[in-house]
Structures are given as structure tokens and as C-alpha cells.
């Protein structure tokens, strides 16, 4: 039996592809938007029979007008990722963040005007909508939860000394704020809104990629450096994120809520490399750097992602499961194409 029809925007992306897999596994009918025929072809190669539609400009006012007409649910994953150059003017900054905001409002507006069947929209945002990791992560005692919003302003994000991801974070927070404002201002909206805001999403690709980048590349220094550097991450396993996205469609309690997704607390690089060594005992991994050995347990802000378990009933994956899936991309039974670690 096939369930309701779901629109997934940005279907060929890292999170989008995993969301499609989970939806298909749950017997949903899926329509995925991509930006080109080439991307549609690669997606269909992984999911034969998948319905696709080309939306090459997600900022166009009518970008989603046609694709929302015959769906009951929408997973809005498509979003630009960008880094603001230090020499940008304020006008250039506004132009850089506008696509993230406009594409979000476009899907909401299209669903209101043309999506008479749409019941729920789930919007993928980011932990950056809740906080500024670069500014707040070392604030011991600070708790980041559903009610938290990033304190970074437009002026701070556009300043010459802004952190590289400040503009990205501002765009994520502002897009989500405007999404909630849109729902509040339009009495004729018939669907509910949920936002899913993961920390750094890690896991294997479902669609072959020419290179490993984005958050997927954050663990690469652990495998390729002469020494494992100091540091660590709050991580969300990509399958957990996809599970939350699909479950949020099915649970009435998800309506109107903001879900932080974090599969673990802070995981140090030492813990990561210990997990890699435990799961792949026949591989040799770089030694820990002196800085990492002396790092100790840092006192950091708490990222409260418990709402996923409390309201959606989802149990997070272990760090070992994430590491196993990640490592298999390189030297597992279905990987091995990237020779990063010596046998």
C-alpha cells in the first residue's frame, strides 16, 4: 500500500536523498525537486521510479507553484550554503542571504495559494538558528533548546571581523523567523509547520559525489592528518535526521515545534578515533596530537535535543553506528574507493 504523496525539495542533496530513502521505505509516494536534468538522473539511478521535477531557481516567486498542487506533505530541504567574503558590502551581504529566506517563504506561499491538499510542511534549518556555535559553545551552563534563537545580528554577521559561518547562521535564523511570522500572519494557511534543526550532520552519501565536502568532510582530518588534531563536534547522524523528518509528518505533536537533532553530546576527536580503531581494528589511524591528549573534557554549552525522543519517540543512534557508516565509505565492504587510511 502506498501512503500519501510527499514533496522533497533539494532531493539530490545529502539530507534530501536520505529523506527520500526513509519515505520510500515507509511506502510514501515521493516527488523530488532538483535543479537540473543531470541531478534528476543521478537521483533516479539510486531510486528507480522516483518522480522528479526541475526547479532551477528556488528564489523565483513561482518556483514551487506547480509541484505543490498534488501533495499532502512537504519536506523543504533545499537551501543554499554560502560563505560571506570579508570585503562584502552590506548590500552584498543582504543579496547573499536573500536566497535562503526567499526560497523558504516561496514554498510556504506556494502551498498556501496552490497546495489545497497540503497538511504539513517540515522545514530543515540548522543549529545555527538556535545559537552561534563560535560565540556560545564555550559558555558553560548555557542551555540551547527549542526556545533558543541565535543572538547574532545582521550587523554582526556582515562585519569585516565576522566568523565565516555568521552569514549562513543569520540566514538560517532569519529564514526560520520569517517562516513562523508568515504562518502567524496568514489566516488562510491550512497546513502546520515544523522545523528540524540539526547540529553538524555526518554520515555516508547515498548519491555518488565528486568530492567529500560540507559537514560530511568534518571528520576527514581525523583520517588524513599526520596527527589527530584537538577539538571535537556535536554530531547528528544523517539517518537520525531523516528519521526525524519523516516521523514529524506522522506525529500531530510535531506541529508548531522546533526540533534540535543531535545524536550525542560533544564528542571529542579522541573519542572519534577510539571508535574508528575499535570498529576497524585492521586499519592504522593517525596518533593523537599533544594538544588533543592535553585537551581534557571541555566545559561547554549544553545542546538539548531531548524533544526528539520525548515527542517523536526516536532513540538516537550511537557514535559507533555513525563511525561505522562513515568509515564504510572508505574502507568498508561497500566502500574502499577512497584510500585514506593504510591497511
Protein backbone atom coordinates (compact mmCIF):
# COMPACT_ATOMS: atom_id res chain seq x y z
CA UNK A 1 0.00 0.00 0.00
CA UNK A 2 1.31 3.46 -0.91
CA UNK A 3 0.72 6.25 1.57
CA UNK A 4 0.35 9.97 0.93
CA UNK A 5 2.41 11.90 -1.61
CA UNK A 6 5.34 13.89 -0.24
CA UNK A 7 7.30 16.66 -1.94
CA UNK A 8 11.01 16.73 -1.07
CA UNK A 9 12.85 19.85 -2.22
CA UNK A 10 16.59 19.54 -2.78
CA UNK A 11 16.21 15.81 -3.22
CA UNK A 12 19.69 15.18 -4.59
CA UNK A 13 21.42 16.68 -1.56
CA UNK A 14 22.96 14.78 1.33
CA UNK A 15 19.98 15.08 3.69
CA UNK A 16 17.43 15.16 0.87
CA UNK A 17 18.49 11.78 -0.52
CA UNK A 18 18.34 10.11 2.90
CA UNK A 19 14.89 11.64 3.47
CA UNK A 20 13.69 10.17 0.18
CA UNK A 21 15.03 6.76 1.19
CA UNK A 22 13.19 6.84 4.50
CA UNK A 23 9.97 8.00 2.86
CA UNK A 24 10.11 5.27 0.21
CA UNK A 25 10.92 2.67 2.87
CA UNK A 26 7.75 3.84 4.67
CA UNK A 27 5.71 3.44 1.45
CA UNK A 28 5.18 7.11 0.73
CA UNK A 29 4.89 8.35 -2.84
CA UNK A 30 7.67 10.88 -3.39
CA UNK A 31 8.14 13.81 -5.73
CA UNK A 32 11.62 15.34 -5.52
CA UNK A 33 12.74 18.69 -6.87
CA UNK A 34 16.25 19.16 -8.25
CA UNK A 35 17.93 21.96 -10.18
CA UNK A 36 18.93 20.12 -13.37
CA UNK A 37 18.26 17.05 -15.50
CA UNK A 38 21.68 15.66 -14.58
CA UNK A 39 20.82 15.78 -10.90
CA UNK A 40 17.44 14.18 -11.63
CA UNK A 41 19.18 11.36 -13.49
CA UNK A 42 21.58 10.62 -10.62
CA UNK A 43 18.68 10.58 -8.16
CA UNK A 44 16.60 8.24 -10.33
CA UNK A 45 19.58 5.93 -10.69
CA UNK A 46 19.50 5.48 -6.91
CA UNK A 47 15.69 5.42 -6.65
CA UNK A 48 14.18 3.88 -9.82
CA UNK A 49 10.68 5.14 -10.49
CA UNK A 50 11.11 8.27 -8.38
CA UNK A 51 9.14 11.27 -9.61
CA UNK A 52 11.24 14.39 -10.13
CA UNK A 53 10.66 18.00 -11.15
CA UNK A 54 13.19 20.62 -12.21
CA UNK A 55 13.23 23.82 -10.15
CA UNK A 56 16.35 25.62 -11.27
CA UNK A 57 15.72 28.86 -9.37
CA UNK A 58 14.38 28.34 -5.86
CA UNK A 59 14.22 32.10 -5.33
CA UNK A 60 11.67 32.69 -8.11
CA UNK A 61 8.27 33.66 -6.70
CA UNK A 62 6.53 30.89 -8.66
CA UNK A 63 9.28 28.30 -8.19
CA UNK A 64 7.09 25.78 -6.39
CA UNK A 65 3.64 26.71 -7.69
CA UNK A 66 3.18 23.56 -9.79
CA UNK A 67 4.88 20.95 -7.60
CA UNK A 68 2.75 21.64 -4.51
CA UNK A 69 -0.59 21.05 -6.22
CA UNK A 70 -0.93 17.32 -5.67
CA UNK A 71 0.97 16.62 -2.43
CA UNK A 72 -0.13 16.24 1.18
CA UNK A 73 3.22 16.78 2.86
CA UNK A 74 6.32 18.84 2.11
CA UNK A 75 9.88 18.27 3.31
CA UNK A 76 11.67 21.51 2.46
CA UNK A 77 15.35 20.60 2.41
CA UNK A 78 16.64 22.76 -0.45
CA UNK A 79 18.75 25.69 0.71
CA UNK A 80 21.89 27.48 -0.46
CA UNK A 81 25.08 27.15 1.55
CA UNK A 82 27.46 30.06 1.26
CA UNK A 83 30.37 31.80 2.90
CA UNK A 84 30.48 35.56 3.05
CA UNK A 85 33.66 37.24 1.90
CA UNK A 86 35.24 39.73 4.29
CA UNK A 87 35.09 42.53 1.71
CA UNK A 88 31.37 42.28 1.04
CA UNK A 89 29.31 45.43 1.47
CA UNK A 90 26.07 45.40 3.46
CA UNK A 91 24.14 45.35 0.19
CA UNK A 92 26.18 42.36 -0.98
CA UNK A 93 25.57 40.68 2.36
CA UNK A 94 21.80 41.12 2.01
CA UNK A 95 21.95 39.72 -1.51
CA UNK A 96 23.90 36.70 -0.26
CA UNK A 97 21.44 35.77 2.49
CA UNK A 98 18.30 36.56 0.48
CA UNK A 99 18.07 33.20 -1.37
CA UNK A 100 17.79 31.22 1.88
CA UNK A 101 14.98 33.47 3.08
CA UNK A 102 13.16 33.78 -0.24
CA UNK A 103 13.22 30.06 -1.01
CA UNK A 104 11.69 29.30 2.40
CA UNK A 105 8.93 31.87 2.00
CA UNK A 106 8.32 30.71 -1.57
CA UNK A 107 7.47 27.16 -0.52
CA UNK A 108 5.15 28.40 2.23
CA UNK A 109 3.42 30.82 -0.10
CA UNK A 110 3.03 28.29 -2.92
CA UNK A 111 1.50 25.79 -0.50
CA UNK A 112 -0.94 28.41 0.80
CA UNK A 113 -2.02 29.52 -2.69
CA UNK A 114 -1.86 26.30 -4.70
CA UNK A 115 -1.44 23.44 -2.24
CA UNK A 116 -5.02 22.74 -1.28
CA UNK A 117 -4.09 19.21 -0.15
CA UNK A 118 -1.02 20.18 1.89
CA UNK A 119 -1.39 19.26 5.57
CA UNK A 120 2.13 19.64 6.95
CA UNK A 121 5.39 21.30 5.99
CA UNK A 122 8.64 20.29 7.65
CA UNK A 123 11.44 22.80 7.16
CA UNK A 124 15.09 21.81 7.54
CA UNK A 125 17.05 24.57 9.23
CA UNK A 126 20.17 24.33 11.41
CA UNK A 127 21.50 24.56 14.94
CA UNK A 128 22.75 27.96 13.76
CA UNK A 129 19.15 29.17 14.00
CA UNK A 130 19.33 28.44 17.75
CA UNK A 131 22.83 29.62 18.56
CA UNK A 132 26.17 30.90 17.32
CA UNK A 133 28.50 27.96 17.99
CA UNK A 134 31.62 30.08 17.51
CA UNK A 135 30.43 32.61 20.11
CA UNK A 136 28.44 30.50 22.56
CA UNK A 137 29.80 26.96 22.59
CA UNK A 138 32.24 27.69 25.43
CA UNK A 139 29.58 29.25 27.67
CA UNK A 140 29.44 26.58 30.36
CA UNK A 141 25.99 26.49 31.93
CA UNK A 142 24.22 27.79 28.82
CA UNK A 143 21.41 25.50 27.64
CA UNK A 144 20.35 25.66 23.99
CA UNK A 145 16.87 24.27 23.41
CA UNK A 146 13.68 24.65 21.34
CA UNK A 147 13.11 28.19 22.59
CA UNK A 148 16.62 29.44 21.86
CA UNK A 149 17.41 31.75 18.96
CA UNK A 150 20.79 32.80 17.63
CA UNK A 151 21.76 36.19 19.07
CA UNK A 152 23.84 37.17 16.02
CA UNK A 153 22.51 40.28 14.32
CA UNK A 154 22.62 41.39 10.71
CA UNK A 155 25.25 43.96 11.61
CA UNK A 156 27.48 41.43 13.37
CA UNK A 157 27.11 38.93 10.53
CA UNK A 158 28.07 41.49 7.90
CA UNK A 159 31.01 42.99 9.80
CA UNK A 160 34.55 42.51 8.41
CA UNK A 161 35.55 40.52 11.51
CA UNK A 162 32.52 38.19 11.40
CA UNK A 163 33.05 34.47 11.70
CA UNK A 164 32.94 32.61 8.35
CA UNK A 165 29.56 31.00 9.10
CA UNK A 166 27.91 34.05 10.66
CA UNK A 167 26.11 34.94 7.43
CA UNK A 168 24.95 31.36 6.98
CA UNK A 169 23.71 31.28 10.56
CA UNK A 170 21.97 34.63 10.26
CA UNK A 171 20.24 33.45 7.06
CA UNK A 172 19.07 30.25 8.74
CA UNK A 173 17.71 32.07 11.78
CA UNK A 174 16.09 34.84 9.76
CA UNK A 175 14.51 32.39 7.29
CA UNK A 176 13.01 30.43 10.14
CA UNK A 177 11.79 33.53 11.97
CA UNK A 178 10.11 34.78 8.81
CA UNK A 179 8.59 31.35 8.23
CA UNK A 180 6.89 31.40 11.64
CA UNK A 181 5.84 35.01 11.06
CA UNK A 182 4.34 34.01 7.71
CA UNK A 183 2.21 31.32 9.36
CA UNK A 184 1.03 33.76 12.03
CA UNK A 185 0.13 36.50 9.54
CA UNK A 186 -1.91 34.40 7.09
CA UNK A 187 -5.22 33.22 8.44
CA UNK A 188 -5.87 31.12 5.33
CA UNK A 189 -2.91 28.79 5.92
CA UNK A 190 -4.32 25.27 6.30
CA UNK A 191 -1.10 23.38 6.98
CA UNK A 192 1.10 23.11 10.08
CA UNK A 193 4.78 23.97 10.20
CA UNK A 194 7.60 22.09 11.93
CA UNK A 195 11.29 22.90 11.82
CA UNK A 196 14.12 20.38 12.16
CA UNK A 197 17.43 21.95 13.16
CA UNK A 198 20.34 19.51 13.30
CA UNK A 199 23.85 20.08 14.57
CA UNK A 200 26.68 19.01 12.23
CA UNK A 201 25.24 16.20 10.08
CA UNK A 202 27.60 13.29 9.45
CA UNK A 203 27.20 10.03 7.56
CA UNK A 204 27.67 8.37 4.17
CA UNK A 205 26.41 9.71 0.88
CA UNK A 206 23.60 7.88 -0.88
CA UNK A 207 24.23 9.66 -4.18
CA UNK A 208 27.82 9.45 -5.52
CA UNK A 209 29.66 12.75 -5.13
CA UNK A 210 32.80 14.01 -6.91
CA UNK A 211 34.27 15.08 -3.58
CA UNK A 212 33.53 14.97 0.11
CA UNK A 213 32.58 18.38 1.41
CA UNK A 214 30.19 20.21 3.73
CA UNK A 215 29.64 18.68 7.14
CA UNK A 216 30.40 15.22 5.72
CA UNK A 217 34.03 16.31 5.42
CA UNK A 218 34.39 17.38 9.04
CA UNK A 219 35.77 14.01 10.14
CA UNK A 220 38.30 13.73 7.32
CA UNK A 221 41.14 15.41 9.27
CA UNK A 222 40.92 12.55 11.76
CA UNK A 223 41.75 10.09 8.99
CA UNK A 224 44.13 12.08 6.80
CA UNK A 225 46.25 14.22 9.14
CA UNK A 226 49.68 13.23 10.41
CA UNK A 227 48.20 13.59 13.90
CA UNK A 228 44.61 13.75 15.10
CA UNK A 229 44.02 17.43 15.86
CA UNK A 230 42.49 18.78 19.05
CA UNK A 231 38.78 19.51 19.04
CA UNK A 232 35.52 17.69 18.58
CA UNK A 233 31.95 18.06 17.37
CA UNK A 234 28.31 17.90 18.25
CA UNK A 235 27.11 15.46 15.58
CA UNK A 236 23.80 14.31 14.12
CA UNK A 237 23.82 11.01 12.26
CA UNK A 238 22.16 11.60 8.90
CA UNK A 239 19.79 8.65 9.35
CA UNK A 240 18.57 10.17 12.63
CA UNK A 241 17.86 13.43 10.80
CA UNK A 242 15.91 11.62 8.06
CA UNK A 243 14.01 9.65 10.69
CA UNK A 244 13.00 12.86 12.46
CA UNK A 245 11.90 14.45 9.19
CA UNK A 246 9.62 11.54 8.31
CA UNK A 247 8.30 10.97 11.83
CA UNK A 248 7.45 14.67 12.14
CA UNK A 249 5.00 14.21 9.27
CA UNK A 250 3.23 11.43 11.12
CA UNK A 251 3.03 12.87 14.64
CA UNK A 252 0.46 15.56 15.38
CA UNK A 253 2.56 16.60 18.37
CA UNK A 254 5.26 17.83 15.96
CA UNK A 255 3.08 20.64 14.62
CA UNK A 256 4.37 24.07 15.59
CA UNK A 257 7.55 22.72 17.18
CA UNK A 258 11.29 23.25 16.62
CA UNK A 259 13.38 20.09 16.92
CA UNK A 260 17.12 20.23 17.56
CA UNK A 261 18.69 16.99 16.32
CA UNK A 262 21.92 15.91 18.00
CA UNK A 263 22.75 12.22 18.18
CA UNK A 264 25.20 12.78 21.03
CA UNK A 265 26.63 15.42 23.26
CA UNK A 266 30.03 16.85 22.43
CA UNK A 267 32.28 14.10 21.01
CA UNK A 268 35.99 14.80 21.19
CA UNK A 269 38.32 13.84 18.35
CA UNK A 270 39.94 11.34 20.73
CA UNK A 271 36.58 9.61 21.21
CA UNK A 272 36.03 9.55 17.46
CA UNK A 273 39.40 7.98 16.72
CA UNK A 274 38.92 5.43 19.51
CA UNK A 275 35.63 4.44 17.89
CA UNK A 276 37.25 4.16 14.45
CA UNK A 277 40.02 1.96 15.87
CA UNK A 278 37.55 -0.23 17.70
CA UNK A 279 35.31 -0.76 14.65
CA UNK A 280 38.11 -1.08 12.09
CA UNK A 281 40.87 -2.89 14.05
CA UNK A 282 42.82 -3.83 10.90
CA UNK A 283 43.40 -0.19 10.00
CA UNK A 284 46.08 2.15 11.25
CA UNK A 285 44.92 5.58 12.32
CA UNK A 286 46.92 8.75 13.00
CA UNK A 287 48.21 9.22 16.56
CA UNK A 288 46.66 11.78 18.87
CA UNK A 289 48.33 15.16 18.84
CA UNK A 290 49.87 16.54 22.02
CA UNK A 291 47.16 19.22 22.10
CA UNK A 292 44.42 16.60 21.93
CA UNK A 293 45.98 14.49 24.68
CA UNK A 294 46.05 17.57 26.90
CA UNK A 295 42.59 18.77 25.90
CA UNK A 296 40.70 17.10 28.72
CA UNK A 297 36.93 17.39 28.96
CA UNK A 298 35.92 20.90 27.90
CA UNK A 299 33.18 22.76 29.74
CA UNK A 300 30.74 23.66 27.01
CA UNK A 301 27.21 24.81 26.46
CA UNK A 302 24.55 22.10 26.57
CA UNK A 303 22.64 21.39 23.36
CA UNK A 304 19.30 19.95 24.49
CA UNK A 305 17.99 17.65 21.75
CA UNK A 306 15.74 15.58 24.00
CA UNK A 307 12.49 16.78 22.40
CA UNK A 308 13.09 14.32 19.55
CA UNK A 309 12.83 11.43 21.97
CA UNK A 310 10.14 12.93 24.19
CA UNK A 311 7.65 13.91 21.46
CA UNK A 312 8.62 11.74 18.49
CA UNK A 313 9.74 8.61 20.36
CA UNK A 314 13.01 8.39 18.42
CA UNK A 315 16.07 6.86 20.05
CA UNK A 316 19.29 8.39 18.79
CA UNK A 317 21.98 6.31 17.11
CA UNK A 318 25.28 5.69 18.86
CA UNK A 319 28.55 7.32 17.87
CA UNK A 320 29.82 3.85 16.91
CA UNK A 321 26.98 3.44 14.41
CA UNK A 322 27.80 6.78 12.84
CA UNK A 323 31.52 5.98 12.69
CA UNK A 324 30.84 2.54 11.16
CA UNK A 325 28.71 4.04 8.39
CA UNK A 326 31.21 6.82 7.78
CA UNK A 327 34.20 4.50 7.70
CA UNK A 328 32.48 2.13 5.29
CA UNK A 329 32.54 4.91 2.70
CA UNK A 330 36.31 4.50 2.53
CA UNK A 331 37.31 1.00 3.57
CA UNK A 332 34.14 -0.98 4.33
CA UNK A 333 32.64 -3.79 2.23
CA UNK A 334 30.76 -1.30 0.05
CA UNK A 335 33.38 1.43 0.05
CA UNK A 336 37.10 1.41 -0.26
CA UNK A 337 37.26 3.77 -3.23
CA UNK A 338 38.93 6.48 -1.19
CA UNK A 339 42.24 5.18 0.13
CA UNK A 340 42.54 7.44 3.15
CA UNK A 341 43.80 5.00 5.75
CA UNK A 342 46.62 2.49 5.39
CA UNK A 343 45.71 -1.19 5.69
